[in-house]
Amino acid sequence: MKNILVTGGIGYIGSHTVIELMNRGYNPIIIDNLVNSDIEVLDRIEKITGKRPTFEKVEMCNYDELSNFFKKYPNIDAVIHFAAILLVNESVDKPLMYYQNNLFSMVNLLKCMQEFNINNIVFSSSCTVYGEPDILPVDEYASVKPAMSPYGNTKKICEDILKDTTAVSEIKTISLRYFNPIGAHETALIGEFQDGPPHHLIPYITETASGKREKLRVFGSDYNTPDGTCVRDYIHVVDVAIAHIAAIERLINNKTDAKYEVFNLGTGIGYSVLDMIKAFETATGIKIKYELVPRRAGDVEAVYADNSLATKELNWKCIHSLEDMMLSAWNWEKALSVQS
């Protein structure tokens, strides 16, 4: 049984990936500082899988604390690095917090990997590294543009750190550039927790549908898109999780074509904000009240993926439809309402 370290494994995408790892016979070991996550997720993972994953509370920005973890768990075969803070608009207001957390944790992780001879890492990157792309859909060979936010810049810098480290060490890296993960597990036991007002579109839609929010604010209606609202590529979180298993197996089985590889994770379809509102209404029969408000700092006009490289090299494809995404998100919202 391979031991896979999952940093930030209590979080949204991390927890779904832990479940997929366990379903496929891997032994995930989770570290998380619990700053933006809930320890109760461990109970939910255990309920879904029938087994409780190993967990340690670790602050990755503290090198000694992280090094002590690796001394305790010396037999790790690969790392999936999710741990980061990730709100675009917050990063605009608090850039130093984002640079310190996201970059220091990456540097410390790589130093420990080298010290303890762990040579495989999958990095949770982002389509934000493309900025405003020149051509759509955007593929992995597109230019990496100046980031539109400090959050996006931390992803770009982390990719650079990985690329430079990979070039002079035994470490092999796969960076997975997510587009917009949404939805929840089919059990409605885990999903995207929001502390306070929602930070992403789909939780805002579901909270409006449930009555928690009076209406949805649509940021910007004057973009150069078919209906004037931002266009994004939305992908089910379980499809994203499954891609991580494919990436881990590519590394462990020495199937990589280069020591540093990059793959897009998206559906290849761009939907506007208004498209997503209509899709939710169609899937659930619930009308969403919304208002158009000015643009938000850090938002890109339109970005969606060319995912053909991931489909070919990882032998991976999206299996969940837009309706699946919407219904799972709505079922998660309803489950949250019952719990509260």
Protein backbone atom coordinates (compact mmCIF):
# COMPACT_ATOMS: atom_id res chain seq x y z
CA MET A 1 0.00 0.00 0.00
CA LYS A 2 1.52 3.31 -1.11
CA ASN A 3 1.61 6.15 1.41
CA ILE A 4 0.49 9.47 -0.10
CA LEU A 5 0.95 12.69 1.86
CA VAL A 6 -1.98 15.03 1.20
CA THR A 7 -1.31 18.58 2.39
CA GLY A 8 -4.49 20.54 2.99
CA GLY A 9 -6.38 17.24 2.87
CA ILE A 10 -9.21 18.48 5.07
CA GLY A 11 -10.12 21.14 2.48
CA TYR A 12 -12.58 21.03 -0.39
CA ILE A 13 -10.60 19.37 -3.18
CA GLY A 14 -8.22 17.67 -0.75
CA SER A 15 -10.97 15.78 1.08
CA HIS A 16 -12.52 14.51 -2.17
CA THR A 17 -9.08 13.38 -3.32
CA VAL A 18 -8.44 11.56 -0.03
CA ILE A 19 -11.64 9.57 -0.61
CA GLU A 20 -10.60 8.63 -4.16
CA LEU A 21 -7.16 7.58 -2.88
CA MET A 22 -8.73 5.36 -0.23
CA ASN A 23 -11.19 3.88 -2.74
CA ARG A 24 -8.21 2.84 -4.87
CA GLY A 25 -6.22 1.22 -2.10
CA TYR A 26 -3.79 4.02 -1.23
CA ASN A 27 -2.99 5.13 2.31
CA PRO A 28 -3.42 8.91 2.50
CA ILE A 29 -1.71 10.78 5.32
CA ILE A 30 -3.26 14.22 5.81
CA ILE A 31 -1.64 17.33 7.19
CA ASP A 32 -3.58 20.56 7.63
CA ASN A 33 -3.31 23.60 9.88
CA LEU A 34 -7.14 23.79 10.15
CA VAL A 35 -7.10 27.56 9.59
CA ASN A 36 -9.64 27.35 6.75
CA SER A 37 -10.95 23.81 7.27
CA ASP A 38 -13.03 21.79 9.72
CA ILE A 39 -11.69 18.73 11.58
CA GLU A 40 -15.21 17.27 11.34
CA VAL A 41 -14.41 16.43 7.71
CA LEU A 42 -12.37 13.49 9.02
CA ASP A 43 -15.55 11.99 10.49
CA ARG A 44 -17.30 12.47 7.16
CA ILE A 45 -14.48 10.81 5.21
CA GLU A 46 -14.63 7.87 7.62
CA LYS A 47 -18.39 7.60 7.17
CA ILE A 48 -18.02 7.50 3.37
CA THR A 49 -15.06 5.10 3.18
CA GLY A 50 -15.44 3.05 6.37
CA LYS A 51 -11.90 3.96 7.42
CA ARG A 52 -10.41 6.98 9.16
CA PRO A 53 -7.38 8.46 7.39
CA THR A 54 -4.24 9.35 9.33
CA PHE A 55 -4.21 13.04 10.26
CA GLU A 56 -1.66 15.38 11.82
CA LYS A 57 -2.16 19.08 12.51
CA VAL A 58 0.91 20.76 11.00
CA GLU A 59 1.77 24.37 10.17
CA MET A 60 3.78 24.05 6.96
CA CYS A 61 5.17 27.58 7.21
CA ASN A 62 7.06 26.38 10.29
CA TYR A 63 9.97 24.35 8.92
CA ASP A 64 10.80 22.60 12.19
CA GLU A 65 7.20 21.53 12.66
CA LEU A 66 7.04 20.16 9.11
CA SER A 67 10.41 18.42 9.41
CA ASN A 68 9.29 16.72 12.63
CA PHE A 69 6.26 15.38 10.78
CA PHE A 70 8.49 13.78 8.14
CA LYS A 71 10.66 12.24 10.86
CA LYS A 72 7.52 10.63 12.28
CA TYR A 73 6.33 9.42 8.86
CA PRO A 74 9.50 8.51 6.90
CA ASN A 75 7.90 6.12 4.38
CA ILE A 76 6.00 8.50 2.12
CA ASP A 77 5.90 7.55 -1.58
CA ALA A 78 4.44 10.76 -3.04
CA VAL A 79 2.95 14.12 -2.10
CA ILE A 80 -0.18 15.91 -3.28
CA HIS A 81 0.17 19.56 -2.28
CA PHE A 82 -3.16 21.35 -1.84
CA ALA A 83 -2.38 23.47 1.22
CA ALA A 84 -2.81 27.16 0.38
CA ILE A 85 -5.09 30.10 0.93
CA LEU A 86 -7.01 30.75 -2.22
CA LEU A 87 -9.43 33.68 -2.34
CA VAL A 88 -8.74 35.99 -5.27
CA ASN A 89 -10.39 39.09 -3.85
CA GLU A 90 -8.89 38.60 -0.39
CA SER A 91 -5.43 38.24 -1.92
CA VAL A 92 -5.83 41.65 -3.56
CA ASP A 93 -6.45 43.19 -0.12
CA LYS A 94 -3.88 41.07 1.78
CA PRO A 95 -1.05 40.25 -0.64
CA LEU A 96 1.66 39.71 1.99
CA MET A 97 -0.44 37.13 3.80
CA TYR A 98 -0.80 35.19 0.54
CA TYR A 99 2.87 35.39 -0.41
CA GLN A 100 4.01 34.33 3.05
CA ASN A 101 1.62 31.40 3.42
CA ASN A 102 1.61 29.96 -0.09
CA LEU A 103 5.32 30.40 -0.86
CA PHE A 104 6.87 29.55 2.50
CA SER A 105 4.83 26.35 2.72
CA MET A 106 6.02 25.30 -0.75
CA VAL A 107 9.70 26.01 -0.04
CA ASN A 108 9.57 24.17 3.28
CA LEU A 109 7.84 21.19 1.70
CA LEU A 110 10.46 20.85 -1.04
CA LYS A 111 13.31 21.18 1.45
CA CYS A 112 11.81 18.36 3.50
CA MET A 113 11.19 16.23 0.41
CA GLN A 114 14.84 16.54 -0.52
CA GLU A 115 15.99 15.83 3.04
CA PHE A 116 13.85 12.70 3.33
CA ASN A 117 14.31 11.47 -0.26
CA ILE A 118 10.70 11.82 -1.41
CA ASN A 119 10.75 12.38 -5.15
CA ASN A 120 7.16 12.58 -6.42
CA ILE A 121 4.84 15.57 -6.07
CA VAL A 122 1.54 16.62 -7.63
CA PHE A 123 0.90 20.33 -7.24
CA SER A 124 -2.51 21.96 -7.02
CA SER A 125 -2.07 24.81 -9.48
CA SER A 126 -4.61 27.01 -11.21
CA CYS A 127 -5.72 28.39 -14.54
CA THR A 128 -5.07 31.82 -12.99
CA VAL A 129 -1.48 31.45 -14.25
CA TYR A 130 -2.79 32.13 -17.77
CA GLY A 131 -4.12 35.58 -16.81
CA GLU A 132 -6.15 36.94 -19.72
CA PRO A 133 -5.31 34.32 -22.38
CA ASP A 134 -4.78 35.39 -25.98
CA ILE A 135 -6.46 32.30 -27.46
CA LEU A 136 -9.38 30.22 -26.18
CA PRO A 137 -9.55 27.43 -25.28
CA VAL A 138 -6.20 27.77 -23.54
CA ASP A 139 -3.71 24.88 -23.68
CA GLU A 140 -0.61 24.10 -21.62
CA TYR A 141 1.67 25.73 -24.19
CA ALA A 142 0.02 29.14 -23.80
CA SER A 143 2.09 31.94 -22.35
CA VAL A 144 1.96 32.36 -18.60
CA LYS A 145 0.77 35.95 -18.22
CA PRO A 146 1.20 38.46 -15.42
CA ALA A 147 -1.20 37.35 -12.74
CA MET A 148 -4.43 39.26 -12.19
CA SER A 149 -4.18 38.77 -8.40
CA PRO A 150 -1.59 37.97 -5.72
CA TYR A 151 -3.27 34.56 -5.33
CA GLY A 152 -2.72 33.81 -9.01
CA ASN A 153 0.84 35.06 -8.72
CA THR A 154 1.56 32.65 -5.85
CA LYS A 155 0.50 29.77 -8.10
CA LYS A 156 2.81 30.98 -10.87
CA ILE A 157 5.73 31.46 -8.46
CA CYS A 158 5.13 28.04 -6.90
CA GLU A 159 5.26 26.50 -10.37
CA ASP A 160 8.56 28.30 -10.97
CA ILE A 161 9.93 27.06 -7.64
CA LEU A 162 8.93 23.49 -8.54
CA LYS A 163 10.35 23.73 -12.05
CA ASP A 164 13.71 25.08 -10.83
CA THR A 165 13.92 22.53 -8.00
CA THR A 166 13.00 19.66 -10.29
CA ALA A 167 15.78 20.66 -12.69
CA VAL A 168 18.51 20.18 -10.07
CA SER A 169 17.13 17.36 -7.90
CA GLU A 170 15.61 13.88 -8.08
CA ILE A 171 12.11 15.31 -7.63
CA LYS A 172 9.54 14.72 -10.38
CA THR A 173 6.56 17.07 -10.55
CA ILE A 174 3.13 17.21 -12.16
CA SER A 175 1.35 20.57 -11.87
CA LEU A 176 -2.40 20.31 -12.39
CA ARG A 177 -3.92 23.61 -13.47
CA TYR A 178 -7.54 23.56 -12.32
CA PHE A 179 -10.18 25.61 -13.92
CA ASN A 180 -13.25 25.96 -11.62
CA PRO A 181 -14.03 22.95 -9.42
CA ILE A 182 -17.62 22.88 -8.21
CA GLY A 183 -20.15 20.39 -6.86
CA ALA A 184 -19.91 17.93 -3.99
CA HIS A 185 -19.63 14.25 -3.18
CA GLU A 186 -22.65 12.15 -4.16
CA THR A 187 -23.32 11.37 -0.48
CA ALA A 188 -23.66 15.11 0.30
CA LEU A 189 -21.39 14.47 3.30
CA ILE A 190 -18.54 16.63 2.03
CA GLY A 191 -18.50 19.70 -0.19
CA GLU A 192 -17.33 23.29 -0.26
CA PHE A 193 -17.64 24.83 3.20
CA GLN A 194 -18.07 28.62 3.27
CA ASP A 195 -17.24 30.62 6.38
CA GLY A 196 -19.37 33.73 6.16
CA PRO A 197 -20.44 35.16 2.78
CA PRO A 198 -19.65 32.86 -0.16
CA HIS A 199 -16.46 33.50 -2.07
CA HIS A 200 -17.30 31.47 -5.16
CA LEU A 201 -20.22 31.52 -7.56
CA ILE A 202 -21.89 28.16 -6.96
CA PRO A 203 -22.15 28.40 -3.14
CA TYR A 204 -23.56 31.88 -3.67
CA ILE A 205 -26.18 30.44 -6.04
CA THR A 206 -27.11 27.61 -3.66
CA GLU A 207 -27.29 29.90 -0.63
CA THR A 208 -29.56 32.23 -2.58
CA ALA A 209 -31.72 29.27 -3.59
CA SER A 210 -31.98 28.12 0.04
CA GLY A 211 -32.97 31.56 1.27
CA LYS A 212 -29.75 32.27 3.18
CA ARG A 213 -29.06 35.11 0.76
CA GLU A 214 -31.64 37.56 -0.53
CA LYS A 215 -30.04 37.71 -3.95
CA LEU A 216 -26.91 36.89 -5.92
CA ARG A 217 -24.52 39.64 -6.98
CA VAL A 218 -23.12 39.21 -10.49
CA PHE A 219 -19.80 41.06 -10.67
CA GLY A 220 -19.53 42.81 -14.02
CA SER A 221 -21.96 42.82 -16.93
CA ASP A 222 -19.88 44.76 -19.47
CA TYR A 223 -17.22 42.16 -20.37
CA ASN A 224 -16.59 41.28 -24.00
CA THR A 225 -18.53 38.01 -23.71
CA PRO A 226 -21.86 36.89 -25.24
CA ASP A 227 -23.95 38.18 -22.32
CA GLY A 228 -21.44 40.59 -20.73
CA THR A 229 -20.64 38.39 -17.71
CA CYS A 230 -17.43 36.48 -16.98
CA VAL A 231 -16.91 33.10 -18.64
CA ARG A 232 -15.36 30.15 -16.83
CA ASP A 233 -14.79 26.41 -17.26
CA TYR A 234 -16.57 24.56 -14.44
CA ILE A 235 -15.56 21.00 -13.54
CA HIS A 236 -16.95 18.57 -10.97
CA VAL A 237 -14.70 18.29 -7.91
CA VAL A 238 -14.75 14.47 -8.09
CA ASP A 239 -13.41 14.60 -11.65
CA VAL A 240 -10.61 16.82 -10.35
CA ALA A 241 -9.92 14.36 -7.52
CA ILE A 242 -9.75 11.40 -9.91
CA ALA A 243 -7.20 13.27 -12.05
CA HIS A 244 -4.88 13.43 -9.03
CA ILE A 245 -4.91 9.64 -8.79
CA ALA A 246 -3.94 9.43 -12.46
CA ALA A 247 -1.12 11.93 -11.89
CA ILE A 248 0.19 10.09 -8.81
CA GLU A 249 0.22 6.80 -10.72
CA ARG A 250 2.02 8.42 -13.64
CA LEU A 251 4.76 9.55 -11.24
CA ILE A 252 5.03 6.40 -9.14
CA ASN A 253 5.07 4.12 -12.20
CA ASN A 254 7.72 6.27 -13.95
CA LYS A 255 5.46 7.02 -16.92
CA THR A 256 6.32 10.71 -17.18
CA ASP A 257 7.83 12.13 -20.37
CA ALA A 258 9.71 14.82 -18.46
CA LYS A 259 10.64 15.54 -14.86
CA TYR A 260 8.28 18.52 -14.80
CA GLU A 261 4.86 18.24 -16.48
CA VAL A 262 1.75 20.42 -16.60
CA PHE A 263 -1.85 19.43 -17.36
CA ASN A 264 -5.08 21.42 -17.57
CA LEU A 265 -8.10 20.11 -15.66
CA GLY A 266 -11.31 21.43 -17.17
CA THR A 267 -14.23 20.34 -19.31
CA GLY A 268 -13.24 22.47 -22.29
CA ILE A 269 -16.55 24.37 -22.19
CA GLY A 270 -16.93 27.99 -21.14
CA TYR A 271 -20.06 29.10 -19.29
CA SER A 272 -20.95 32.65 -18.31
CA VAL A 273 -22.24 33.57 -14.87
CA LEU A 274 -25.74 33.98 -16.30
CA ASP A 275 -25.40 30.58 -18.04
CA MET A 276 -24.66 29.01 -14.66
CA ILE A 277 -27.66 30.66 -13.03
CA LYS A 278 -29.90 29.33 -15.81
CA ALA A 279 -28.32 25.87 -15.57
CA PHE A 280 -29.05 25.75 -11.83
CA GLU A 281 -32.63 26.87 -12.40
CA THR A 282 -33.08 24.18 -15.08
CA ALA A 283 -31.58 21.42 -12.91
CA THR A 284 -33.53 22.27 -9.75
CA GLY A 285 -36.60 24.21 -10.84
CA ILE A 286 -35.66 27.00 -8.40
CA LYS A 287 -35.58 30.61 -9.59
CA ILE A 288 -32.50 32.64 -8.57
CA LYS A 289 -32.85 36.33 -7.81
CA TYR A 290 -29.76 38.28 -8.87
CA GLU A 291 -28.49 41.79 -9.52
CA LEU A 292 -25.75 43.08 -11.80
CA VAL A 293 -23.04 45.02 -9.93
CA PRO A 294 -19.67 46.54 -10.93
CA ARG A 295 -16.66 44.39 -11.78
CA ARG A 296 -14.55 42.87 -9.01
CA ALA A 297 -10.77 43.39 -8.78
CA GLY A 298 -8.69 40.42 -9.94
CA ASP A 299 -11.33 38.79 -12.16
CA VAL A 300 -10.37 37.56 -15.64
CA GLU A 301 -12.86 38.13 -18.45
CA ALA A 302 -12.93 34.62 -19.94
CA VAL A 303 -10.91 31.43 -19.60
CA TYR A 304 -11.67 27.81 -20.44
CA ALA A 305 -9.49 24.79 -21.05
CA ASP A 306 -8.12 22.75 -23.84
CA ASN A 307 -7.99 19.50 -21.85
CA SER A 308 -6.81 17.20 -24.65
CA LEU A 309 -3.32 16.71 -23.19
CA ALA A 310 -4.66 15.47 -19.85
CA THR A 311 -7.14 13.22 -21.65
CA LYS A 312 -4.35 11.65 -23.67
CA GLU A 313 -1.46 11.45 -21.21
CA LEU A 314 -3.33 10.83 -17.96
CA ASN A 315 -5.98 8.64 -19.59
CA TRP A 316 -8.51 10.83 -17.80
CA LYS A 317 -11.74 12.53 -18.77
CA CYS A 318 -14.62 14.31 -17.09
CA ILE A 319 -17.55 12.02 -16.38
CA HIS A 320 -19.89 14.44 -14.61
CA SER A 321 -22.27 16.72 -16.50
CA LEU A 322 -23.17 20.31 -15.68
CA GLU A 323 -26.47 19.01 -14.29
CA ASP A 324 -24.54 16.60 -12.05
CA MET A 325 -22.48 19.52 -10.77
CA MET A 326 -25.53 21.63 -10.01
CA LEU A 327 -27.56 18.87 -8.35
CA SER A 328 -24.66 17.73 -6.16
CA ALA A 329 -24.00 21.33 -5.08
CA TRP A 330 -27.69 21.78 -4.28
CA ASN A 331 -27.84 18.50 -2.33
CA TRP A 332 -24.80 19.63 -0.34
CA GLU A 333 -26.45 22.97 0.42
CA LYS A 334 -29.62 21.21 1.60
CA ALA A 335 -27.53 18.90 3.81
CA LEU A 336 -25.81 21.93 5.34
CA SER A 337 -29.18 23.56 6.03
CA VAL A 338 -30.39 20.44 7.88
CA GLN A 339 -27.21 20.35 9.99
CA SER A 340 -27.55 24.01 10.98
